[in-house]
Each structure stands twice: as C-alpha cells, then as structure tokens.
N, C-alpha and C. Protein backbone atom coordinates (compact mmCIF):
# COMPACT_ATOMS: atom_id res chain seq x y z
N MET A 1 0.84 -1.19 0.00
CA MET A 1 0.00 0.00 0.00
C MET A 1 0.88 1.25 0.00
N ILE A 2 0.58 2.18 -0.88
CA ILE A 2 1.35 3.42 -0.98
C ILE A 2 0.78 4.42 0.02
N ARG A 3 1.67 5.03 0.81
CA ARG A 3 1.25 6.04 1.77
C ARG A 3 1.40 7.41 1.12
N SER A 4 0.38 8.23 1.28
CA SER A 4 0.46 9.57 0.71
C SER A 4 1.11 10.51 1.73
N LYS A 5 1.73 11.56 1.20
CA LYS A 5 2.38 12.54 2.06
C LYS A 5 1.39 13.66 2.36
N ASN A 6 1.29 14.02 3.62
CA ASN A 6 0.42 15.10 4.04
C ASN A 6 1.26 16.27 4.54
N VAL A 7 0.81 17.48 4.23
CA VAL A 7 1.46 18.70 4.69
C VAL A 7 0.38 19.66 5.19
N GLU A 8 0.81 20.64 5.97
CA GLU A 8 -0.09 21.71 6.36
C GLU A 8 0.25 22.92 5.52
N ALA A 9 -0.77 23.48 4.85
CA ALA A 9 -0.57 24.64 3.98
C ALA A 9 -1.83 25.49 3.99
N TYR A 10 -1.69 26.72 3.51
CA TYR A 10 -2.82 27.64 3.45
C TYR A 10 -3.71 27.28 2.28
N CYS A 11 -5.00 27.08 2.54
CA CYS A 11 -5.98 26.79 1.50
C CYS A 11 -6.71 28.08 1.15
N ALA A 12 -6.64 28.48 -0.11
CA ALA A 12 -7.29 29.71 -0.57
C ALA A 12 -8.81 29.59 -0.53
N TYR A 13 -9.34 28.38 -0.57
CA TYR A 13 -10.79 28.18 -0.54
C TYR A 13 -11.32 28.21 0.90
N CYS A 14 -10.63 27.55 1.81
CA CYS A 14 -11.04 27.53 3.22
C CYS A 14 -10.63 28.80 3.96
N LYS A 15 -9.65 29.52 3.42
CA LYS A 15 -9.08 30.71 4.05
C LYS A 15 -8.46 30.37 5.40
N ALA A 16 -7.78 29.22 5.46
CA ALA A 16 -7.16 28.77 6.70
C ALA A 16 -6.03 27.79 6.38
N VAL A 17 -5.17 27.55 7.35
CA VAL A 17 -4.13 26.54 7.22
C VAL A 17 -4.77 25.20 7.52
N THR A 18 -4.71 24.29 6.56
CA THR A 18 -5.34 22.98 6.71
C THR A 18 -4.36 21.88 6.30
N LYS A 19 -4.73 20.65 6.59
CA LYS A 19 -3.94 19.51 6.14
C LYS A 19 -4.28 19.25 4.69
N MET A 20 -3.22 18.98 3.90
CA MET A 20 -3.40 18.70 2.48
C MET A 20 -2.64 17.44 2.11
N GLU A 21 -3.20 16.70 1.18
CA GLU A 21 -2.57 15.48 0.68
C GLU A 21 -1.89 15.79 -0.65
N ILE A 22 -0.59 15.51 -0.74
CA ILE A 22 0.16 15.73 -1.97
C ILE A 22 -0.30 14.71 -3.00
N LYS A 23 -0.68 15.23 -4.18
CA LYS A 23 -1.19 14.34 -5.24
C LYS A 23 -0.14 14.04 -6.31
N SER A 24 0.46 15.09 -6.91
CA SER A 24 1.43 14.87 -7.98
C SER A 24 2.22 16.15 -8.24
N ASP A 25 3.20 16.06 -9.17
CA ASP A 25 3.98 17.23 -9.57
C ASP A 25 3.08 18.21 -10.31
N ALA A 26 3.27 19.51 -10.02
CA ALA A 26 2.54 20.56 -10.74
C ALA A 26 3.42 21.29 -11.71
N GLY A 27 4.74 21.12 -11.57
CA GLY A 27 5.69 21.83 -12.43
C GLY A 27 5.97 21.08 -13.71
N ALA A 28 6.51 21.79 -14.68
CA ALA A 28 6.81 21.19 -15.97
C ALA A 28 8.10 20.37 -15.94
N ASP A 29 9.08 20.81 -15.11
CA ASP A 29 10.35 20.09 -15.06
C ASP A 29 10.46 19.24 -13.80
N ALA A 30 11.40 18.33 -13.82
CA ALA A 30 11.56 17.38 -12.71
C ALA A 30 12.09 18.05 -11.44
N GLU A 31 12.75 19.22 -11.58
CA GLU A 31 13.32 19.90 -10.42
C GLU A 31 12.34 20.86 -9.75
N SER A 32 11.14 20.96 -10.24
CA SER A 32 10.16 21.89 -9.70
C SER A 32 9.74 21.47 -8.29
N THR A 33 9.50 22.45 -7.43
CA THR A 33 9.06 22.17 -6.07
C THR A 33 7.55 22.33 -5.93
N LYS A 34 6.87 22.63 -7.02
CA LYS A 34 5.41 22.79 -6.98
C LYS A 34 4.75 21.42 -7.07
N ARG A 35 3.68 21.26 -6.30
CA ARG A 35 2.93 20.00 -6.28
C ARG A 35 1.44 20.31 -6.26
N TRP A 36 0.65 19.37 -6.77
CA TRP A 36 -0.79 19.46 -6.62
C TRP A 36 -1.14 18.84 -5.27
N ALA A 37 -1.99 19.54 -4.53
CA ALA A 37 -2.39 19.05 -3.21
C ALA A 37 -3.89 19.20 -3.05
N LYS A 38 -4.49 18.25 -2.36
CA LYS A 38 -5.94 18.26 -2.14
C LYS A 38 -6.20 18.59 -0.68
N CYS A 39 -6.99 19.65 -0.45
CA CYS A 39 -7.35 20.06 0.91
C CYS A 39 -8.27 19.00 1.51
N LYS A 40 -7.95 18.56 2.71
CA LYS A 40 -8.75 17.52 3.36
C LYS A 40 -10.05 18.06 3.94
N LYS A 41 -10.14 19.40 4.05
CA LYS A 41 -11.33 20.02 4.60
C LYS A 41 -12.39 20.29 3.52
N CYS A 42 -11.99 20.99 2.45
CA CYS A 42 -12.96 21.38 1.41
C CYS A 42 -12.86 20.51 0.15
N LYS A 43 -11.85 19.64 0.08
CA LYS A 43 -11.63 18.71 -1.04
C LYS A 43 -11.24 19.39 -2.35
N GLN A 44 -10.83 20.67 -2.31
CA GLN A 44 -10.37 21.37 -3.50
C GLN A 44 -8.90 21.03 -3.76
N THR A 45 -8.51 21.00 -5.03
CA THR A 45 -7.13 20.74 -5.40
C THR A 45 -6.48 22.04 -5.84
N LEU A 46 -5.28 22.31 -5.31
CA LEU A 46 -4.56 23.51 -5.69
C LEU A 46 -3.07 23.26 -5.72
N SER A 47 -2.37 24.17 -6.37
CA SER A 47 -0.92 24.05 -6.52
C SER A 47 -0.24 24.68 -5.30
N ILE A 48 0.70 23.96 -4.70
CA ILE A 48 1.45 24.50 -3.57
C ILE A 48 2.94 24.35 -3.84
N ASP A 49 3.73 25.20 -3.21
CA ASP A 49 5.18 25.16 -3.35
C ASP A 49 5.76 24.62 -2.05
N LEU A 50 6.41 23.46 -2.11
CA LEU A 50 6.94 22.81 -0.92
C LEU A 50 8.02 23.63 -0.23
N VAL A 51 8.81 24.38 -0.99
CA VAL A 51 9.86 25.21 -0.39
C VAL A 51 9.24 26.34 0.41
N GLU A 52 8.17 26.96 -0.10
CA GLU A 52 7.49 28.05 0.61
C GLU A 52 6.85 27.54 1.90
N ILE A 53 6.32 26.33 1.88
CA ILE A 53 5.71 25.76 3.09
C ILE A 53 6.75 25.60 4.18
N GLU A 54 7.94 25.13 3.82
CA GLU A 54 9.01 24.95 4.81
C GLU A 54 9.48 26.28 5.37
N LYS A 55 9.48 27.35 4.56
CA LYS A 55 9.88 28.67 5.03
C LYS A 55 8.87 29.26 6.00
N ASN A 56 7.59 29.03 5.72
CA ASN A 56 6.52 29.61 6.53
C ASN A 56 6.05 28.62 7.58
N VAL A 57 6.91 28.29 8.49
CA VAL A 57 6.58 27.37 9.56
C VAL A 57 5.52 28.01 10.45
N LYS A 58 4.55 27.22 10.83
CA LYS A 58 3.46 27.73 11.65
C LYS A 58 3.99 28.28 12.96
N PRO A 59 3.57 29.51 13.34
CA PRO A 59 4.07 30.12 14.57
C PRO A 59 3.60 29.36 15.81
N LYS A 60 4.45 29.32 16.79
CA LYS A 60 4.14 28.68 18.07
C LYS A 60 4.05 29.74 19.16
N ALA A 61 3.17 29.55 20.11
CA ALA A 61 2.96 30.53 21.17
C ALA A 61 4.22 30.72 22.01
N SER A 62 5.05 29.72 22.14
CA SER A 62 6.23 29.82 22.98
C SER A 62 7.26 30.81 22.43
N PHE A 63 7.15 31.17 21.15
CA PHE A 63 8.09 32.10 20.54
C PHE A 63 7.70 33.56 20.74
N TYR A 64 6.57 33.83 21.34
CA TYR A 64 6.09 35.20 21.44
C TYR A 64 6.17 35.73 22.86
N ASP A 65 6.52 36.98 22.95
CA ASP A 65 6.67 37.65 24.23
C ASP A 65 5.33 38.29 24.60
N GLY A 66 4.93 38.17 25.85
CA GLY A 66 3.68 38.74 26.32
C GLY A 66 3.65 40.26 26.22
N GLU A 67 4.80 40.92 26.22
CA GLU A 67 4.84 42.37 26.15
C GLU A 67 4.43 42.88 24.77
N LYS A 68 4.60 42.10 23.73
CA LYS A 68 4.25 42.51 22.37
C LYS A 68 2.82 42.11 22.00
N SER A 69 2.11 41.49 22.89
CA SER A 69 0.78 40.97 22.61
C SER A 69 -0.28 42.06 22.68
N VAL A 70 -1.31 41.87 21.86
CA VAL A 70 -2.49 42.73 21.88
C VAL A 70 -3.52 42.05 22.76
N THR A 71 -4.21 42.83 23.60
CA THR A 71 -5.26 42.26 24.45
C THR A 71 -6.44 41.85 23.57
N TYR A 72 -6.90 40.62 23.74
CA TYR A 72 -7.98 40.09 22.90
C TYR A 72 -9.29 40.82 23.14
N SER A 73 -9.96 41.15 22.05
CA SER A 73 -11.31 41.69 22.06
C SER A 73 -12.03 41.13 20.86
N PRO A 74 -13.26 40.63 21.03
CA PRO A 74 -13.99 40.09 19.89
C PRO A 74 -14.35 41.14 18.85
N ALA A 75 -14.21 42.42 19.17
CA ALA A 75 -14.52 43.49 18.22
C ALA A 75 -13.37 43.77 17.26
N LEU A 76 -12.16 43.30 17.58
CA LEU A 76 -11.00 43.55 16.74
C LEU A 76 -10.82 42.47 15.69
N SER A 77 -9.99 42.78 14.70
CA SER A 77 -9.64 41.83 13.65
C SER A 77 -8.16 41.48 13.80
N TYR A 78 -7.80 40.22 13.56
CA TYR A 78 -6.43 39.75 13.74
C TYR A 78 -5.94 39.07 12.48
N ARG A 79 -4.61 38.93 12.37
CA ARG A 79 -3.98 38.24 11.25
C ARG A 79 -3.24 37.02 11.78
N VAL A 80 -3.00 36.06 10.91
CA VAL A 80 -2.22 34.88 11.28
C VAL A 80 -0.82 35.35 11.69
N GLY A 81 -0.37 34.90 12.86
CA GLY A 81 0.93 35.30 13.39
C GLY A 81 0.85 36.35 14.47
N ASP A 82 -0.32 37.01 14.62
CA ASP A 82 -0.47 38.02 15.67
C ASP A 82 -0.42 37.37 17.05
N SER A 83 0.22 38.06 17.99
CA SER A 83 0.31 37.60 19.37
C SER A 83 -0.83 38.23 20.17
N ILE A 84 -1.55 37.40 20.94
CA ILE A 84 -2.75 37.84 21.67
C ILE A 84 -2.63 37.49 23.14
N PHE A 85 -3.06 38.43 23.99
CA PHE A 85 -3.16 38.16 25.42
C PHE A 85 -4.63 38.10 25.79
N HIS A 86 -5.08 37.01 26.39
CA HIS A 86 -6.47 36.85 26.81
C HIS A 86 -6.55 37.13 28.31
N GLU A 87 -7.22 38.23 28.68
CA GLU A 87 -7.26 38.66 30.08
C GLU A 87 -7.96 37.65 30.99
N ALA A 88 -9.08 37.12 30.56
CA ALA A 88 -9.84 36.20 31.41
C ALA A 88 -9.07 34.92 31.71
N TRP A 89 -8.28 34.46 30.74
CA TRP A 89 -7.52 33.23 30.91
C TRP A 89 -6.10 33.49 31.36
N ASN A 90 -5.67 34.76 31.35
CA ASN A 90 -4.32 35.15 31.72
C ASN A 90 -3.28 34.30 30.98
N ASP A 91 -3.43 34.28 29.64
CA ASP A 91 -2.56 33.46 28.81
C ASP A 91 -2.25 34.18 27.51
N VAL A 92 -1.06 33.93 26.97
CA VAL A 92 -0.60 34.52 25.72
C VAL A 92 -0.66 33.46 24.63
N GLY A 93 -1.09 33.87 23.43
CA GLY A 93 -1.17 32.92 22.33
C GLY A 93 -0.87 33.58 21.00
N VAL A 94 -0.85 32.75 19.96
CA VAL A 94 -0.56 33.20 18.60
C VAL A 94 -1.69 32.73 17.69
N VAL A 95 -2.14 33.61 16.81
CA VAL A 95 -3.17 33.25 15.83
C VAL A 95 -2.52 32.33 14.80
N VAL A 96 -3.04 31.10 14.67
CA VAL A 96 -2.47 30.14 13.73
C VAL A 96 -3.33 29.95 12.49
N SER A 97 -4.62 30.31 12.55
CA SER A 97 -5.46 30.27 11.35
C SER A 97 -6.67 31.16 11.55
N LYS A 98 -7.31 31.46 10.43
CA LYS A 98 -8.47 32.34 10.42
C LYS A 98 -9.52 31.72 9.53
N GLU A 99 -10.78 31.76 9.96
CA GLU A 99 -11.86 31.14 9.20
C GLU A 99 -13.04 32.11 9.14
N PHE A 100 -13.63 32.26 7.97
CA PHE A 100 -14.77 33.14 7.81
C PHE A 100 -16.05 32.35 8.08
N ILE A 101 -16.94 32.95 8.88
CA ILE A 101 -18.21 32.31 9.22
C ILE A 101 -19.35 33.20 8.73
N SER A 102 -20.56 32.96 9.18
CA SER A 102 -21.73 33.65 8.67
C SER A 102 -21.73 35.15 8.98
N ASN A 103 -22.50 35.90 8.20
CA ASN A 103 -22.73 37.33 8.38
C ASN A 103 -21.45 38.17 8.31
N GLY A 104 -20.47 37.72 7.56
CA GLY A 104 -19.24 38.49 7.42
C GLY A 104 -18.33 38.44 8.63
N ARG A 105 -18.66 37.68 9.61
CA ARG A 105 -17.83 37.54 10.80
C ARG A 105 -16.76 36.48 10.54
N SER A 106 -15.83 36.41 11.46
CA SER A 106 -14.78 35.40 11.33
C SER A 106 -14.37 34.90 12.70
N SER A 107 -13.69 33.76 12.68
CA SER A 107 -13.15 33.20 13.91
C SER A 107 -11.66 32.96 13.70
N ILE A 108 -10.93 32.93 14.80
CA ILE A 108 -9.49 32.68 14.74
C ILE A 108 -9.17 31.49 15.62
N LEU A 109 -8.18 30.73 15.21
CA LEU A 109 -7.68 29.63 16.03
C LEU A 109 -6.39 30.13 16.65
N VAL A 110 -6.35 30.16 17.98
CA VAL A 110 -5.20 30.69 18.71
C VAL A 110 -4.55 29.56 19.49
N GLU A 111 -3.24 29.44 19.37
CA GLU A 111 -2.49 28.46 20.15
C GLU A 111 -1.91 29.17 21.36
N PHE A 112 -2.48 28.88 22.53
CA PHE A 112 -2.05 29.51 23.78
C PHE A 112 -0.93 28.69 24.41
N GLN A 113 -0.10 29.36 25.21
CA GLN A 113 1.01 28.69 25.87
C GLN A 113 0.52 27.62 26.84
N ASN A 114 -0.47 27.95 27.66
CA ASN A 114 -0.92 27.02 28.70
C ASN A 114 -2.18 26.24 28.31
N LEU A 115 -3.09 26.87 27.58
CA LEU A 115 -4.39 26.24 27.29
C LEU A 115 -4.42 25.42 26.01
N GLY A 116 -3.41 25.59 25.16
CA GLY A 116 -3.43 24.89 23.87
C GLY A 116 -4.24 25.67 22.85
N LYS A 117 -4.83 24.98 21.89
CA LYS A 117 -5.57 25.63 20.81
C LYS A 117 -7.00 25.93 21.23
N LYS A 118 -7.41 27.17 20.98
CA LYS A 118 -8.77 27.61 21.29
C LYS A 118 -9.29 28.43 20.11
N LYS A 119 -10.57 28.28 19.79
CA LYS A 119 -11.19 29.05 18.72
C LYS A 119 -11.90 30.24 19.34
N LEU A 120 -11.63 31.44 18.80
CA LEU A 120 -12.20 32.68 19.32
C LEU A 120 -12.90 33.44 18.19
N LEU A 121 -13.93 34.19 18.55
CA LEU A 121 -14.62 35.04 17.57
C LEU A 121 -13.89 36.35 17.40
N GLU A 122 -14.02 36.93 16.21
CA GLU A 122 -13.48 38.27 15.97
C GLU A 122 -14.46 39.02 15.09
N THR A 123 -14.29 40.31 14.98
CA THR A 123 -15.15 41.21 14.20
C THR A 123 -16.63 41.02 14.53
N ILE A 124 -16.95 40.88 15.81
CA ILE A 124 -18.31 40.58 16.23
C ILE A 124 -19.23 41.78 16.19
N ASN A 125 -18.71 43.01 16.31
CA ASN A 125 -19.56 44.19 16.35
C ASN A 125 -19.48 45.05 15.11
N LYS A 126 -19.12 44.47 13.98
CA LYS A 126 -19.01 45.25 12.74
C LYS A 126 -20.30 45.32 12.01
C-alpha cells in the first residue's frame, strides 16, 4: 500500500491553514518544487510550493513575548501570526489560522502557551 504525504498549507478556498494530501507534480520540469495538493477540509485541489511551506513554519505561542501581545477583544480583527493576550484566561497565544463564518464575521484559532488551541470570535460588532 502506498502512503500519501500530508502537509499543512494555506488553503485559498477555506481561508485557513489545513492539512493537504500531496497528489502529484505541478511543475513542468523534474526539479520543480510545486505540487498538486488536495485540501482535506474542502476537497479542492490547488498548486502548492513545498519550499514556501518549509519557510513559513506555523508560529508557536512559545516564541512570542507577552509584552508585544495585543489584548484580545472580539470586536478587533487579527492576522495569522499576531500575538494575543487573553485577560480572562491570563494566557498569551498566537493566531495560527483564520476562518470566515456567517454574516461576514470570522473566527481565529489561537495556540495559547498554557491552554493549547482555542477558537475565538473576531469582528463581532461590525
């Protein structure tokens, strides 16, 4: 049985970092680093660059300083890589993905130092 290779990459359809299954070469030459990958969430196939994925390693909360963090508010908008301090939980985290939900709102997945991954709402009062 052949095992497929899975990577985490940004899906333009899901608007989030998801797991993708490498399908085949997307480049014309044998030295190309582009591959066709199928998103496991939305099942769309898109071209990804394996070198770019390795450069853009997903941020970890342990790499961020609490002094540079923005205090979390559901009324604000955040980007992937932003450092967030959650007052109620007294924990610092990093935004690892962003997902658009109904009514133009969005949610963020934050990896906190102590609590792990938590999904939070953003742009709630727009």
